[in-house]
Amino acid sequence: MKKAWIVLALAACTSGPQWQKAGATPESIEADRKQCEAAAPLASVPTQSQAPAPGGKPGAIGGMNFNAAVDREAARMRKDEQHIAQCMRAKGYSS
């Protein structure tokens, strides 16, 4: 459970890379970033019924392995961030 809170806290604290491009205004950078975020593919995340946890397993809450769910969400977030970074670089930005 501690691992889950650490991951969530780090995710909340990170604002991502600061993108830069010659001649770009803060508004245009934000618009391009939002466009890249919207284009990020949605990674499929198994549902609770697809990945049940044994009843006595540490981190299991109501039949769901909470630690595994946090790990899957962290992996999905990393994939999204990688896609956004590739998209921004393709638009001529550097971080």
N, C-alpha and C. Protein backbone atom coordinates (compact mmCIF):
# COMPACT_ATOMS: atom_id res chain seq x y z
N MET A 1 0.82 -1.18 0.00
CA MET A 1 0.00 0.00 0.00
C MET A 1 0.88 1.26 0.00
N LYS A 2 2.02 1.20 0.70
CA LYS A 2 2.91 2.36 0.72
C LYS A 2 3.40 2.69 -0.68
N LYS A 3 3.69 1.63 -1.45
CA LYS A 3 4.16 1.82 -2.82
C LYS A 3 3.14 2.60 -3.64
N ALA A 4 1.86 2.29 -3.44
CA ALA A 4 0.80 2.96 -4.19
C ALA A 4 0.77 4.44 -3.88
N TRP A 5 0.90 4.78 -2.63
CA TRP A 5 0.86 6.20 -2.25
C TRP A 5 2.07 6.95 -2.78
N ILE A 6 3.21 6.29 -2.79
CA ILE A 6 4.42 6.93 -3.32
C ILE A 6 4.25 7.22 -4.81
N VAL A 7 3.75 6.24 -5.56
CA VAL A 7 3.53 6.42 -7.00
C VAL A 7 2.55 7.56 -7.25
N LEU A 8 1.45 7.56 -6.50
CA LEU A 8 0.44 8.61 -6.69
C LEU A 8 0.99 9.98 -6.31
N ALA A 9 1.77 10.05 -5.24
CA ALA A 9 2.35 11.32 -4.82
C ALA A 9 3.33 11.85 -5.87
N LEU A 10 4.16 10.96 -6.41
CA LEU A 10 5.11 11.39 -7.44
C LEU A 10 4.39 11.85 -8.70
N ALA A 11 3.34 11.14 -9.07
CA ALA A 11 2.58 11.53 -10.25
C ALA A 11 1.95 12.90 -10.08
N ALA A 12 1.47 13.19 -8.88
CA ALA A 12 0.85 14.48 -8.62
C ALA A 12 1.87 15.60 -8.61
N CYS A 13 3.10 15.31 -8.20
CA CYS A 13 4.13 16.34 -8.08
C CYS A 13 4.84 16.66 -9.38
N THR A 14 4.83 15.74 -10.30
CA THR A 14 5.56 15.97 -11.55
C THR A 14 4.69 16.71 -12.54
N SER A 15 5.24 17.74 -13.12
CA SER A 15 4.49 18.50 -14.11
C SER A 15 4.94 18.16 -15.52
N GLY A 16 5.88 17.25 -15.65
CA GLY A 16 6.37 16.87 -16.96
C GLY A 16 7.47 17.79 -17.43
N PRO A 17 8.01 17.49 -18.60
CA PRO A 17 9.11 18.31 -19.12
C PRO A 17 8.63 19.71 -19.51
N GLN A 18 9.53 20.65 -19.46
CA GLN A 18 9.25 22.01 -19.91
C GLN A 18 9.65 22.10 -21.38
N TRP A 19 8.67 22.16 -22.26
CA TRP A 19 8.93 22.14 -23.69
C TRP A 19 9.30 23.53 -24.17
N GLN A 20 10.28 23.58 -25.08
CA GLN A 20 10.78 24.84 -25.63
C GLN A 20 10.88 24.75 -27.14
N LYS A 21 10.60 25.86 -27.78
CA LYS A 21 10.74 25.95 -29.24
C LYS A 21 10.89 27.42 -29.58
N ALA A 22 11.85 27.72 -30.43
CA ALA A 22 12.10 29.12 -30.81
C ALA A 22 10.83 29.73 -31.39
N GLY A 23 10.45 30.88 -30.89
CA GLY A 23 9.30 31.60 -31.41
C GLY A 23 7.95 31.15 -30.87
N ALA A 24 7.94 30.11 -30.05
CA ALA A 24 6.67 29.59 -29.52
C ALA A 24 6.25 30.40 -28.30
N THR A 25 4.98 30.71 -28.24
CA THR A 25 4.43 31.41 -27.08
C THR A 25 3.96 30.37 -26.06
N PRO A 26 3.80 30.76 -24.80
CA PRO A 26 3.28 29.81 -23.81
C PRO A 26 1.93 29.22 -24.23
N GLU A 27 1.12 30.03 -24.89
CA GLU A 27 -0.19 29.57 -25.34
C GLU A 27 -0.07 28.52 -26.44
N SER A 28 0.85 28.73 -27.38
CA SER A 28 1.02 27.76 -28.47
C SER A 28 1.65 26.46 -27.97
N ILE A 29 2.55 26.59 -27.00
CA ILE A 29 3.14 25.38 -26.40
C ILE A 29 2.06 24.57 -25.70
N GLU A 30 1.22 25.23 -24.94
CA GLU A 30 0.13 24.54 -24.23
C GLU A 30 -0.85 23.91 -25.22
N ALA A 31 -1.17 24.61 -26.29
CA ALA A 31 -2.09 24.06 -27.29
C ALA A 31 -1.50 22.82 -27.96
N ASP A 32 -0.21 22.88 -28.31
CA ASP A 32 0.44 21.72 -28.92
C ASP A 32 0.51 20.55 -27.94
N ARG A 33 0.81 20.85 -26.67
CA ARG A 33 0.87 19.78 -25.67
C ARG A 33 -0.48 19.11 -25.50
N LYS A 34 -1.54 19.91 -25.45
CA LYS A 34 -2.89 19.35 -25.31
C LYS A 34 -3.26 18.51 -26.53
N GLN A 35 -2.84 18.96 -27.71
CA GLN A 35 -3.10 18.20 -28.93
C GLN A 35 -2.38 16.85 -28.87
N CYS A 36 -1.15 16.86 -28.39
CA CYS A 36 -0.39 15.61 -28.27
C CYS A 36 -1.01 14.70 -27.22
N GLU A 37 -1.47 15.27 -26.11
CA GLU A 37 -2.14 14.47 -25.08
C GLU A 37 -3.40 13.81 -25.63
N ALA A 38 -4.17 14.57 -26.40
CA ALA A 38 -5.42 14.05 -26.95
C ALA A 38 -5.15 12.92 -27.95
N ALA A 39 -4.00 12.97 -28.61
CA ALA A 39 -3.66 11.95 -29.62
C ALA A 39 -3.04 10.70 -29.00
N ALA A 40 -2.71 10.75 -27.70
CA ALA A 40 -2.08 9.59 -27.06
C ALA A 40 -3.04 8.41 -27.08
N PRO A 41 -2.56 7.25 -27.52
CA PRO A 41 -3.44 6.07 -27.54
C PRO A 41 -3.78 5.64 -26.12
N LEU A 42 -4.99 5.18 -25.95
CA LEU A 42 -5.39 4.69 -24.63
C LEU A 42 -4.90 3.26 -24.48
N ALA A 43 -4.01 3.06 -23.52
CA ALA A 43 -3.50 1.71 -23.25
C ALA A 43 -4.58 0.92 -22.55
N SER A 44 -4.75 -0.33 -22.93
CA SER A 44 -5.77 -1.12 -22.27
C SER A 44 -5.26 -1.56 -20.91
N VAL A 45 -6.11 -1.42 -19.92
CA VAL A 45 -5.78 -1.80 -18.56
C VAL A 45 -6.74 -2.89 -18.16
N PRO A 46 -6.24 -4.07 -17.74
CA PRO A 46 -7.14 -5.14 -17.35
C PRO A 46 -8.09 -4.71 -16.25
N THR A 47 -9.32 -5.16 -16.33
CA THR A 47 -10.30 -4.84 -15.31
C THR A 47 -10.10 -5.77 -14.12
N GLN A 48 -10.80 -5.47 -13.05
CA GLN A 48 -10.68 -6.28 -11.84
C GLN A 48 -11.02 -7.74 -12.13
N SER A 49 -12.04 -7.99 -12.95
CA SER A 49 -12.43 -9.37 -13.22
C SER A 49 -11.37 -10.09 -14.05
N GLN A 50 -10.53 -9.36 -14.78
CA GLN A 50 -9.49 -9.99 -15.58
C GLN A 50 -8.24 -10.29 -14.75
N ALA A 51 -8.05 -9.58 -13.66
CA ALA A 51 -6.84 -9.76 -12.86
C ALA A 51 -7.18 -9.80 -11.38
N PRO A 52 -7.92 -10.83 -10.94
CA PRO A 52 -8.28 -10.90 -9.52
C PRO A 52 -7.07 -11.30 -8.67
N ALA A 53 -7.11 -10.89 -7.41
CA ALA A 53 -6.05 -11.24 -6.48
C ALA A 53 -6.55 -12.29 -5.51
N PRO A 54 -5.65 -13.16 -5.04
CA PRO A 54 -6.06 -14.09 -4.01
C PRO A 54 -6.50 -13.31 -2.77
N GLY A 55 -7.49 -13.84 -2.07
CA GLY A 55 -8.07 -13.13 -0.93
C GLY A 55 -7.09 -12.70 0.14
N GLY A 56 -6.07 -13.52 0.45
CA GLY A 56 -5.17 -13.19 1.53
C GLY A 56 -3.90 -12.49 1.10
N LYS A 57 -3.80 -12.11 -0.15
CA LYS A 57 -2.58 -11.50 -0.67
C LYS A 57 -2.43 -10.07 -0.15
N PRO A 58 -1.23 -9.69 0.32
CA PRO A 58 -1.02 -8.31 0.75
C PRO A 58 -1.31 -7.34 -0.40
N GLY A 59 -1.98 -6.28 -0.09
CA GLY A 59 -2.35 -5.30 -1.10
C GLY A 59 -3.69 -5.60 -1.75
N ALA A 60 -4.32 -6.72 -1.38
CA ALA A 60 -5.62 -7.08 -1.95
C ALA A 60 -6.71 -6.37 -1.18
N ILE A 61 -7.55 -5.66 -1.89
CA ILE A 61 -8.67 -4.94 -1.29
C ILE A 61 -9.92 -5.36 -2.03
N GLY A 62 -10.81 -6.04 -1.32
CA GLY A 62 -12.07 -6.45 -1.94
C GLY A 62 -11.87 -7.32 -3.17
N GLY A 63 -10.88 -8.20 -3.17
CA GLY A 63 -10.63 -9.09 -4.30
C GLY A 63 -9.78 -8.46 -5.39
N MET A 64 -9.39 -7.21 -5.22
CA MET A 64 -8.56 -6.54 -6.22
C MET A 64 -7.16 -6.33 -5.66
N ASN A 65 -6.16 -6.68 -6.42
CA ASN A 65 -4.78 -6.47 -6.01
C ASN A 65 -4.44 -5.00 -6.28
N PHE A 66 -4.48 -4.20 -5.23
CA PHE A 66 -4.29 -2.75 -5.37
C PHE A 66 -2.90 -2.41 -5.89
N ASN A 67 -1.88 -3.13 -5.42
CA ASN A 67 -0.52 -2.85 -5.88
C ASN A 67 -0.37 -3.11 -7.37
N ALA A 68 -0.98 -4.19 -7.86
CA ALA A 68 -0.92 -4.49 -9.30
C ALA A 68 -1.65 -3.43 -10.10
N ALA A 69 -2.77 -2.95 -9.57
CA ALA A 69 -3.53 -1.91 -10.27
C ALA A 69 -2.70 -0.63 -10.37
N VAL A 70 -1.99 -0.30 -9.31
CA VAL A 70 -1.13 0.89 -9.33
C VAL A 70 0.01 0.71 -10.33
N ASP A 71 0.59 -0.48 -10.36
CA ASP A 71 1.66 -0.75 -11.32
C ASP A 71 1.16 -0.61 -12.75
N ARG A 72 -0.04 -1.13 -13.04
CA ARG A 72 -0.61 -1.02 -14.39
C ARG A 72 -0.86 0.45 -14.74
N GLU A 73 -1.38 1.22 -13.80
CA GLU A 73 -1.66 2.63 -14.06
C GLU A 73 -0.35 3.39 -14.30
N ALA A 74 0.68 3.09 -13.52
CA ALA A 74 1.98 3.75 -13.71
C ALA A 74 2.55 3.42 -15.08
N ALA A 75 2.42 2.17 -15.51
CA ALA A 75 2.91 1.77 -16.84
C ALA A 75 2.14 2.50 -17.93
N ARG A 76 0.82 2.63 -17.77
CA ARG A 76 0.01 3.34 -18.75
C ARG A 76 0.43 4.81 -18.82
N MET A 77 0.68 5.42 -17.67
CA MET A 77 1.09 6.82 -17.64
C MET A 77 2.44 7.01 -18.33
N ARG A 78 3.37 6.06 -18.12
CA ARG A 78 4.67 6.16 -18.78
C ARG A 78 4.52 6.08 -20.29
N LYS A 79 3.66 5.17 -20.77
CA LYS A 79 3.44 5.04 -22.22
C LYS A 79 2.84 6.32 -22.78
N ASP A 80 1.89 6.90 -22.06
CA ASP A 80 1.29 8.15 -22.51
C ASP A 80 2.34 9.26 -22.57
N GLU A 81 3.19 9.37 -21.54
CA GLU A 81 4.22 10.40 -21.52
C GLU A 81 5.21 10.21 -22.66
N GLN A 82 5.55 8.95 -22.97
CA GLN A 82 6.46 8.69 -24.09
C GLN A 82 5.83 9.14 -25.40
N HIS A 83 4.54 8.85 -25.58
CA HIS A 83 3.85 9.26 -26.80
C HIS A 83 3.81 10.79 -26.91
N ILE A 84 3.49 11.46 -25.81
CA ILE A 84 3.43 12.92 -25.81
C ILE A 84 4.80 13.50 -26.14
N ALA A 85 5.86 12.94 -25.56
CA ALA A 85 7.21 13.43 -25.84
C ALA A 85 7.57 13.27 -27.31
N GLN A 86 7.25 12.12 -27.90
CA GLN A 86 7.52 11.90 -29.32
C GLN A 86 6.75 12.90 -30.17
N CYS A 87 5.50 13.13 -29.82
CA CYS A 87 4.66 14.06 -30.56
C CYS A 87 5.22 15.49 -30.48
N MET A 88 5.62 15.91 -29.29
CA MET A 88 6.16 17.27 -29.13
C MET A 88 7.47 17.43 -29.88
N ARG A 89 8.31 16.41 -29.85
CA ARG A 89 9.58 16.48 -30.60
C ARG A 89 9.32 16.55 -32.10
N ALA A 90 8.29 15.83 -32.55
CA ALA A 90 7.93 15.87 -33.97
C ALA A 90 7.45 17.27 -34.38
N LYS A 91 6.93 18.02 -33.43
CA LYS A 91 6.48 19.39 -33.68
C LYS A 91 7.63 20.40 -33.56
N GLY A 92 8.83 19.92 -33.27
CA GLY A 92 10.01 20.79 -33.21
C GLY A 92 10.38 21.27 -31.84
N TYR A 93 9.79 20.70 -30.79
CA TYR A 93 10.10 21.12 -29.42
C TYR A 93 11.26 20.32 -28.86
N SER A 94 11.91 20.91 -27.88
CA SER A 94 12.93 20.21 -27.09
C SER A 94 12.58 20.42 -25.63
N SER A 95 13.10 19.53 -24.79
CA SER A 95 12.81 19.66 -23.36
C SER A 95 14.08 19.87 -22.58
